[in-house]
Amino acid sequence: MPLPEGSRANSRSGADPGLHQVMSRLSKSLERDHMVGQVTTDLQRQLRVDRVVLYYFYREWEGQVTFEALSAPNYSILWVDWAG
């Protein structure tokens, strides 16, 4: 189906602002995740420990592990391979 006259699907000015906002948030989230992952890895190496875990608390005694840095994959508590 042809686009209406005057529309510019590939133009920055004609881009959907909602889509742009979602893409911007996603980009910032990925940058933050990369930075936190790098910091946990650096901390694990500097402390010379097997595992560093970042735990996010929702409320008292409830939360989840959000990042882990490991000296070996078998120390993971996020991706446990129960079959192996």
PDB file of N, CA and C in Angstrom:
ATOM      1  N   MET A   1       0.845  -1.175   0.000  1.00  0.00           N
ATOM      2  CA  MET A   1       0.000   0.000   0.000  1.00  0.00           C
ATOM      3  C   MET A   1       0.889   1.236   0.000  1.00  0.00           C
ATOM      4  N   PRO A   2       0.652   2.157  -0.914  1.00  0.00           N
ATOM      5  CA  PRO A   2       1.479   3.366  -0.968  1.00  0.00           C
ATOM      6  C   PRO A   2       1.228   4.259   0.235  1.00  0.00           C
ATOM      7  N   LEU A   3       2.278   4.997   0.600  1.00  0.00           N
ATOM      8  CA  LEU A   3       2.163   5.944   1.699  1.00  0.00           C
ATOM      9  C   LEU A   3       1.410   7.177   1.243  1.00  0.00           C
ATOM     10  N   PRO A   4       0.692   7.816   2.166  1.00  0.00           N
ATOM     11  CA  PRO A   4      -0.001   9.054   1.800  1.00  0.00           C
ATOM     12  C   PRO A   4       0.986  10.107   1.336  1.00  0.00           C
ATOM     13  N   GLU A   5       0.531  10.930   0.423  1.00  0.00           N
ATOM     14  CA  GLU A   5       1.384  11.980  -0.116  1.00  0.00           C
ATOM     15  C   GLU A   5       1.884  12.874   1.010  1.00  0.00           C
ATOM     16  N   GLY A   6       3.165  13.181   0.981  1.00  0.00           N
ATOM     17  CA  GLY A   6       3.759  14.057   1.981  1.00  0.00           C
ATOM     18  C   GLY A   6       4.316  13.308   3.188  1.00  0.00           C
ATOM     19  N   SER A   7       4.054  12.006   3.320  1.00  0.00           N
ATOM     20  CA  SER A   7       4.599  11.279   4.467  1.00  0.00           C
ATOM     21  C   SER A   7       6.024  10.864   4.166  1.00  0.00           C
ATOM     22  N   ARG A   8       6.816  10.728   5.201  1.00  0.00           N
ATOM     23  CA  ARG A   8       8.219  10.345   5.064  1.00  0.00           C
ATOM     24  C   ARG A   8       8.516   9.247   6.075  1.00  0.00           C
ATOM     25  N   ALA A   9       8.386   8.008   5.679  1.00  0.00           N
ATOM     26  CA  ALA A   9       8.574   6.877   6.580  1.00  0.00           C
ATOM     27  C   ALA A   9       9.991   6.812   7.132  1.00  0.00           C
ATOM     28  N   ASN A  10      10.967   7.204   6.333  1.00  0.00           N
ATOM     29  CA  ASN A  10      12.355   7.091   6.752  1.00  0.00           C
ATOM     30  C   ASN A  10      12.918   8.389   7.317  1.00  0.00           C
ATOM     31  N   SER A  11      12.128   9.413   7.356  1.00  0.00           N
ATOM     32  CA  SER A  11      12.589  10.705   7.831  1.00  0.00           C
ATOM     33  C   SER A  11      12.605  10.753   9.350  1.00  0.00           C
ATOM     34  N   ARG A  12      13.619  11.387   9.934  1.00  0.00           N
ATOM     35  CA  ARG A  12      13.704  11.564  11.378  1.00  0.00           C
ATOM     36  C   ARG A  12      12.510  12.369  11.882  1.00  0.00           C
ATOM     37  N   SER A  13      12.135  13.386  11.143  1.00  0.00           N
ATOM     38  CA  SER A  13      11.038  14.239  11.586  1.00  0.00           C
ATOM     39  C   SER A  13       9.703  13.516  11.518  1.00  0.00           C
ATOM     40  N   GLY A  14       9.593  12.500  10.690  1.00  0.00           N
ATOM     41  CA  GLY A  14       8.353  11.765  10.569  1.00  0.00           C
ATOM     42  C   GLY A  14       8.324  10.504  11.412  1.00  0.00           C
ATOM     43  N   ALA A  15       9.397  10.246  12.169  1.00  0.00           N
ATOM     44  CA  ALA A  15       9.456   9.033  12.984  1.00  0.00           C
ATOM     45  C   ALA A  15       8.452   9.110  14.126  1.00  0.00           C
ATOM     46  N   ASP A  16       7.945   7.982  14.500  1.00  0.00           N
ATOM     47  CA  ASP A  16       6.999   7.880  15.609  1.00  0.00           C
ATOM     48  C   ASP A  16       7.715   8.265  16.905  1.00  0.00           C
ATOM     49  N   PRO A  17       7.246   9.297  17.604  1.00  0.00           N
ATOM     50  CA  PRO A  17       7.924   9.726  18.830  1.00  0.00           C
ATOM     51  C   PRO A  17       7.894   8.652  19.920  1.00  0.00           C
ATOM     52  N   GLY A  18       6.842   7.842  19.955  1.00  0.00           N
ATOM     53  CA  GLY A  18       6.774   6.759  20.932  1.00  0.00           C
ATOM     54  C   GLY A  18       7.839   5.720  20.683  1.00  0.00           C
ATOM     55  N   LEU A  19       8.052   5.379  19.416  1.00  0.00           N
ATOM     56  CA  LEU A  19       9.086   4.415  19.047  1.00  0.00           C
ATOM     57  C   LEU A  19      10.467   4.971  19.393  1.00  0.00           C
ATOM     58  N   HIS A  20      10.665   6.241  19.112  1.00  0.00           N
ATOM     59  CA  HIS A  20      11.946   6.880  19.439  1.00  0.00           C
ATOM     60  C   HIS A  20      12.196   6.830  20.947  1.00  0.00           C
ATOM     61  N   GLN A  21      11.173   7.076  21.751  1.00  0.00           N
ATOM     62  CA  GLN A  21      11.308   7.051  23.205  1.00  0.00           C
ATOM     63  C   GLN A  21      11.650   5.639  23.693  1.00  0.00           C
ATOM     64  N   VAL A  22      10.986   4.630  23.137  1.00  0.00           N
ATOM     65  CA  VAL A  22      11.274   3.242  23.515  1.00  0.00           C
ATOM     66  C   VAL A  22      12.704   2.878  23.159  1.00  0.00           C
ATOM     67  N   MET A  23      13.138   3.239  21.960  1.00  0.00           N
ATOM     68  CA  MET A  23      14.503   2.929  21.526  1.00  0.00           C
ATOM     69  C   MET A  23      15.539   3.646  22.397  1.00  0.00           C
ATOM     70  N   SER A  24      15.248   4.868  22.786  1.00  0.00           N
ATOM     71  CA  SER A  24      16.157   5.626  23.644  1.00  0.00           C
ATOM     72  C   SER A  24      16.277   4.962  25.017  1.00  0.00           C
ATOM     73  N   ARG A  25      15.155   4.558  25.584  1.00  0.00           N
ATOM     74  CA  ARG A  25      15.183   3.880  26.891  1.00  0.00           C
ATOM     75  C   ARG A  25      15.928   2.553  26.805  1.00  0.00           C
ATOM     76  N   LEU A  26      15.692   1.823  25.735  1.00  0.00           N
ATOM     77  CA  LEU A  26      16.373   0.541  25.545  1.00  0.00           C
ATOM     78  C   LEU A  26      17.882   0.740  25.448  1.00  0.00           C
ATOM     79  N   SER A  27      18.289   1.739  24.698  1.00  0.00           N
ATOM     80  CA  SER A  27      19.711   2.033  24.549  1.00  0.00           C
ATOM     81  C   SER A  27      20.342   2.392  25.886  1.00  0.00           C
ATOM     82  N   LYS A  28      19.677   3.235  26.667  1.00  0.00           N
ATOM     83  CA  LYS A  28      20.199   3.622  27.984  1.00  0.00           C
ATOM     84  C   LYS A  28      20.261   2.421  28.918  1.00  0.00           C
ATOM     85  N   SER A  29      19.253   1.564  28.851  1.00  0.00           N
ATOM     86  CA  SER A  29      19.221   0.371  29.693  1.00  0.00           C
ATOM     87  C   SER A  29      20.369  -0.569  29.351  1.00  0.00           C
ATOM     88  N   LEU A  30      20.623  -0.751  28.056  1.00  0.00           N
ATOM     89  CA  LEU A  30      21.727  -1.620  27.636  1.00  0.00           C
ATOM     90  C   LEU A  30      23.075  -1.046  28.062  1.00  0.00           C
ATOM     91  N   GLU A  31      23.228   0.261  27.963  1.00  0.00           N
ATOM     92  CA  GLU A  31      24.473   0.900  28.391  1.00  0.00           C
ATOM     93  C   GLU A  31      24.673   0.721  29.889  1.00  0.00           C
ATOM     94  N   ARG A  32      23.602   0.900  30.673  1.00  0.00           N
ATOM     95  CA  ARG A  32      23.680   0.738  32.121  1.00  0.00           C
ATOM     96  C   ARG A  32      24.009  -0.712  32.481  1.00  0.00           C
ATOM     97  N   ASP A  33      23.347  -1.659  31.814  1.00  0.00           N
ATOM     98  CA  ASP A  33      23.604  -3.075  32.081  1.00  0.00           C
ATOM     99  C   ASP A  33      25.060  -3.435  31.781  1.00  0.00           C
ATOM    100  N   HIS A  34      25.582  -2.907  30.695  1.00  0.00           N
ATOM    101  CA  HIS A  34      26.987  -3.165  30.342  1.00  0.00           C
ATOM    102  C   HIS A  34      27.914  -2.609  31.421  1.00  0.00           C
ATOM    103  N   MET A  35      27.638  -1.395  31.879  1.00  0.00           N
ATOM    104  CA  MET A  35      28.471  -0.764  32.899  1.00  0.00           C
ATOM    105  C   MET A  35      28.421  -1.555  34.208  1.00  0.00           C
ATOM    106  N   VAL A  36      27.229  -1.959  34.654  1.00  0.00           N
ATOM    107  CA  VAL A  36      27.093  -2.716  35.902  1.00  0.00           C
ATOM    108  C   VAL A  36      27.781  -4.069  35.761  1.00  0.00           C
ATOM    109  N   GLY A  37      27.620  -4.715  34.621  1.00  0.00           N
ATOM    110  CA  GLY A  37      28.306  -5.981  34.386  1.00  0.00           C
ATOM    111  C   GLY A  37      29.810  -5.833  34.448  1.00  0.00           C
ATOM    112  N   GLN A  38      30.330  -4.767  33.873  1.00  0.00           N
ATOM    113  CA  GLN A  38      31.776  -4.519  33.894  1.00  0.00           C
ATOM    114  C   GLN A  38      32.263  -4.255  35.317  1.00  0.00           C
ATOM    115  N   VAL A  39      31.494  -3.490  36.091  1.00  0.00           N
ATOM    116  CA  VAL A  39      31.887  -3.179  37.471  1.00  0.00           C
ATOM    117  C   VAL A  39      31.890  -4.444  38.328  1.00  0.00           C
ATOM    118  N   THR A  40      30.879  -5.309  38.180  1.00  0.00           N
ATOM    119  CA  THR A  40      30.858  -6.538  38.971  1.00  0.00           C
ATOM    120  C   THR A  40      32.021  -7.461  38.573  1.00  0.00           C
ATOM    121  N   THR A  41      32.337  -7.515  37.294  1.00  0.00           N
ATOM    122  CA  THR A  41      33.474  -8.323  36.837  1.00  0.00           C
ATOM    123  C   THR A  41      34.789  -7.774  37.389  1.00  0.00           C
ATOM    124  N   ASP A  42      34.958  -6.466  37.316  1.00  0.00           N
ATOM    125  CA  ASP A  42      36.174  -5.843  37.856  1.00  0.00           C
ATOM    126  C   ASP A  42      36.295  -6.096  39.355  1.00  0.00           C
ATOM    127  N   LEU A  43      35.195  -5.981  40.078  1.00  0.00           N
ATOM    128  CA  LEU A  43      35.199  -6.211  41.516  1.00  0.00           C
ATOM    129  C   LEU A  43      35.565  -7.660  41.839  1.00  0.00           C
ATOM    130  N   GLN A  44      35.003  -8.603  41.101  1.00  0.00           N
ATOM    131  CA  GLN A  44      35.303 -10.024  41.302  1.00  0.00           C
ATOM    132  C   GLN A  44      36.792 -10.298  41.095  1.00  0.00           C
ATOM    133  N   ARG A  45      37.364  -9.709  40.068  1.00  0.00           N
ATOM    134  CA  ARG A  45      38.792  -9.912  39.785  1.00  0.00           C
ATOM    135  C   ARG A  45      39.683  -9.245  40.838  1.00  0.00           C
ATOM    136  N   GLN A  46      39.332  -8.025  41.248  1.00  0.00           N
ATOM    137  CA  GLN A  46      40.146  -7.319  42.229  1.00  0.00           C
ATOM    138  C   GLN A  46      40.106  -7.984  43.602  1.00  0.00           C
ATOM    139  N   LEU A  47      38.943  -8.516  43.967  1.00  0.00           N
ATOM    140  CA  LEU A  47      38.823  -9.191  45.259  1.00  0.00           C
ATOM    141  C   LEU A  47      39.357 -10.621  45.222  1.00  0.00           C
ATOM    142  N   ARG A  48      39.578 -11.129  44.000  1.00  0.00           N
ATOM    143  CA  ARG A  48      40.054 -12.503  43.800  1.00  0.00           C
ATOM    144  C   ARG A  48      39.133 -13.504  44.482  1.00  0.00           C
ATOM    145  N   VAL A  49      37.842 -13.393  44.157  1.00  0.00           N
ATOM    146  CA  VAL A  49      36.826 -14.306  44.676  1.00  0.00           C
ATOM    147  C   VAL A  49      36.197 -15.061  43.520  1.00  0.00           C
ATOM    148  N   ASP A  50      35.515 -16.151  43.846  1.00  0.00           N
ATOM    149  CA  ASP A  50      34.886 -16.967  42.813  1.00  0.00           C
ATOM    150  C   ASP A  50      33.647 -16.315  42.209  1.00  0.00           C
ATOM    151  N   ARG A  51      32.920 -15.539  43.018  1.00  0.00           N
ATOM    152  CA  ARG A  51      31.643 -15.007  42.546  1.00  0.00           C
ATOM    153  C   ARG A  51      31.335 -13.673  43.220  1.00  0.00           C
ATOM    154  N   VAL A  52      30.833 -12.733  42.436  1.00  0.00           N
ATOM    155  CA  VAL A  52      30.249 -11.502  42.951  1.00  0.00           C
ATOM    156  C   VAL A  52      28.829 -11.455  42.411  1.00  0.00           C
ATOM    157  N   VAL A  53      27.874 -11.242  43.310  1.00  0.00           N
ATOM    158  CA  VAL A  53      26.468 -11.231  42.932  1.00  0.00           C
ATOM    159  C   VAL A  53      25.867  -9.888  43.307  1.00  0.00           C
ATOM    160  N   LEU A  54      25.088  -9.338  42.402  1.00  0.00           N
ATOM    161  CA  LEU A  54      24.334  -8.117  42.685  1.00  0.00           C
ATOM    162  C   LEU A  54      22.877  -8.524  42.868  1.00  0.00           C
ATOM    163  N   TYR A  55      22.355  -8.239  44.047  1.00  0.00           N
ATOM    164  CA  TYR A  55      20.995  -8.651  44.394  1.00  0.00           C
ATOM    165  C   TYR A  55      20.128  -7.413  44.514  1.00  0.00           C
ATOM    166  N   TYR A  56      18.990  -7.413  43.849  1.00  0.00           N
ATOM    167  CA  TYR A  56      18.052  -6.288  43.896  1.00  0.00           C
ATOM    168  C   TYR A  56      16.916  -6.639  44.844  1.00  0.00           C
ATOM    169  N   PHE A  57      16.763  -5.856  45.920  1.00  0.00           N
ATOM    170  CA  PHE A  57      15.682  -6.081  46.876  1.00  0.00           C
ATOM    171  C   PHE A  57      14.438  -5.318  46.453  1.00  0.00           C
ATOM    172  N   TYR A  58      13.300  -6.037  46.380  1.00  0.00           N
ATOM    173  CA  TYR A  58      12.001  -5.399  46.126  1.00  0.00           C
ATOM    174  C   TYR A  58      11.462  -4.823  47.419  1.00  0.00           C
ATOM    175  N   ARG A  59      11.508  -5.629  48.445  1.00  0.00           N
ATOM    176  CA  ARG A  59      11.119  -5.243  49.798  1.00  0.00           C
ATOM    177  C   ARG A  59      11.887  -6.174  50.731  1.00  0.00           C
ATOM    178  N   GLU A  60      11.653  -6.098  52.013  1.00  0.00           N
ATOM    179  CA  GLU A  60      12.414  -6.870  52.975  1.00  0.00           C
ATOM    180  C   GLU A  60      12.416  -8.360  52.657  1.00  0.00           C
ATOM    181  N   TRP A  61      13.587  -8.900  52.434  1.00  0.00           N
ATOM    182  CA  TRP A  61      13.850 -10.311  52.169  1.00  0.00           C
ATOM    183  C   TRP A  61      13.232 -10.839  50.878  1.00  0.00           C
ATOM    184  N   GLU A  62      12.868  -9.957  49.977  1.00  0.00           N
ATOM    185  CA  GLU A  62      12.363 -10.369  48.672  1.00  0.00           C
ATOM    186  C   GLU A  62      13.109  -9.610  47.596  1.00  0.00           C
ATOM    187  N   GLY A  63      13.517 -10.329  46.552  1.00  0.00           N
ATOM    188  CA  GLY A  63      14.246  -9.708  45.461  1.00  0.00           C
ATOM    189  C   GLY A  63      14.751 -10.751  44.493  1.00  0.00           C
ATOM    190  N   GLN A  64      15.758 -10.364  43.726  1.00  0.00           N
ATOM    191  CA  GLN A  64      16.330 -11.297  42.758  1.00  0.00           C
ATOM    192  C   GLN A  64      17.765 -10.929  42.439  1.00  0.00           C
ATOM    193  N   VAL A  65      18.522 -11.928  42.008  1.00  0.00           N
ATOM    194  CA  VAL A  65      19.884 -11.691  41.535  1.00  0.00           C
ATOM    195  C   VAL A  65      19.771 -11.046  40.160  1.00  0.00           C
ATOM    196  N   THR A  66      20.449  -9.925  39.970  1.00  0.00           N
ATOM    197  CA  THR A  66      20.372  -9.227  38.691  1.00  0.00           C
ATOM    198  C   THR A  66      21.650  -9.353  37.872  1.00  0.00           C
ATOM    199  N   PHE A  67      22.800  -9.511  38.538  1.00  0.00           N
ATOM    200  CA  PHE A  67      24.077  -9.676  37.854  1.00  0.00           C
ATOM    201  C   PHE A  67      24.951 -10.609  38.673  1.00  0.00           C
ATOM    202  N   GLU A  68      25.812 -11.322  37.985  1.00  0.00           N
ATOM    203  CA  GLU A  68      26.836 -12.086  38.674  1.00  0.00           C
ATOM    204  C   GLU A  68      28.101 -12.089  37.823  1.00  0.00           C
ATOM    205  N   ALA A  69      29.231 -12.053  38.504  1.00  0.00           N
ATOM    206  CA  ALA A  69      30.537 -12.162  37.851  1.00  0.00           C
ATOM    207  C   ALA A  69      31.199 -13.403  38.428  1.00  0.00           C
ATOM    208  N   LEU A  70      31.749 -14.246  37.557  1.00  0.00           N
ATOM    209  CA  LEU A  70      32.225 -15.558  37.969  1.00  0.00           C
ATOM    210  C   LEU A  70      33.662 -15.817  37.542  1.00  0.00           C
ATOM    211  N   SER A  71      34.360 -16.602  38.342  1.00  0.00           N
ATOM    212  CA  SER A  71      35.686 -17.058  37.926  1.00  0.00           C
ATOM    213  C   SER A  71      35.569 -18.303  37.051  1.00  0.00           C
ATOM    214  N   ALA A  72      34.447 -19.024  37.149  1.00  0.00           N
ATOM    215  CA  ALA A  72      34.187 -20.205  36.319  1.00  0.00           C
ATOM    216  C   ALA A  72      32.666 -20.392  36.215  1.00  0.00           C
ATOM    217  N   PRO A  73      32.178 -20.869  35.082  1.00  0.00           N
ATOM    218  CA  PRO A  73      30.725 -21.007  34.874  1.00  0.00           C
ATOM    219  C   PRO A  73      30.017 -21.894  35.900  1.00  0.00           C
ATOM    220  N   ASN A  74      30.725 -22.870  36.460  1.00  0.00           N
ATOM    221  CA  ASN A  74      30.076 -23.761  37.415  1.00  0.00           C
ATOM    222  C   ASN A  74      29.732 -23.081  38.745  1.00  0.00           C
ATOM    223  N   TYR A  75      30.171 -21.842  38.957  1.00  0.00           N
ATOM    224  CA  TYR A  75      29.821 -21.102  40.164  1.00  0.00           C
ATOM    225  C   TYR A  75      28.513 -20.318  40.019  1.00  0.00           C
ATOM    226  N   SER A  76      27.913 -20.353  38.866  1.00  0.00           N
ATOM    227  CA  SER A  76      26.711 -19.570  38.601  1.00  0.00           C
ATOM    228  C   SER A  76      25.538 -20.029  39.461  1.00  0.00           C
ATOM    229  N   ILE A  77      24.792 -19.057  39.973  1.00  0.00           N
ATOM    230  CA  ILE A  77      23.541 -19.368  40.659  1.00  0.00           C
ATOM    231  C   ILE A  77      22.350 -18.941  39.801  1.00  0.00           C
ATOM    232  N   LEU A  78      22.641 -18.287  38.678  1.00  0.00           N
ATOM    233  CA  LEU A  78      21.563 -17.878  37.772  1.00  0.00           C
ATOM    234  C   LEU A  78      21.242 -18.956  36.757  1.00  0.00           C
ATOM    235  N   TRP A  79      22.233 -19.588  36.201  1.00  0.00           N
ATOM    236  CA  TRP A  79      22.035 -20.551  35.108  1.00  0.00           C
ATOM    237  C   TRP A  79      22.500 -21.930  35.556  1.00  0.00           C
ATOM    238  N   VAL A  80      21.823 -22.484  36.527  1.00  0.00           N
ATOM    239  CA  VAL A  80      22.183 -23.790  37.062  1.00  0.00           C
ATOM    240  C   VAL A  80      21.786 -24.876  36.059  1.00  0.00           C
ATOM    241  N   ASP A  81      22.734 -25.735  35.737  1.00  0.00           N
ATOM    242  CA  ASP A  81      22.463 -26.860  34.835  1.00  0.00           C
ATOM    243  C   ASP A  81      22.272 -28.104  35.706  1.00  0.00           C
ATOM    244  N   TRP A  82      21.024 -28.393  36.024  1.00  0.00           N
ATOM    245  CA  TRP A  82      20.728 -29.501  36.915  1.00  0.00           C
ATOM    246  C   TRP A  82      20.999 -30.851  36.254  1.00  0.00           C
ATOM    247  N   ALA A  83      20.987 -30.927  34.936  1.00  0.00           N
ATOM    248  CA  ALA A  83      21.213 -32.201  34.234  1.00  0.00           C
ATOM    249  C   ALA A  83      22.690 -32.557  34.195  1.00  0.00           C
ATOM    250  N   GLY A  84      23.553 -31.564  34.250  1.00  0.00           N
ATOM    251  CA  GLY A  84      24.966 -31.840  34.063  1.00  0.00           C
ATOM    252  C   GLY A  84      25.702 -31.821  35.330  1.00  0.00           C
TER     253      GLY A  84
END
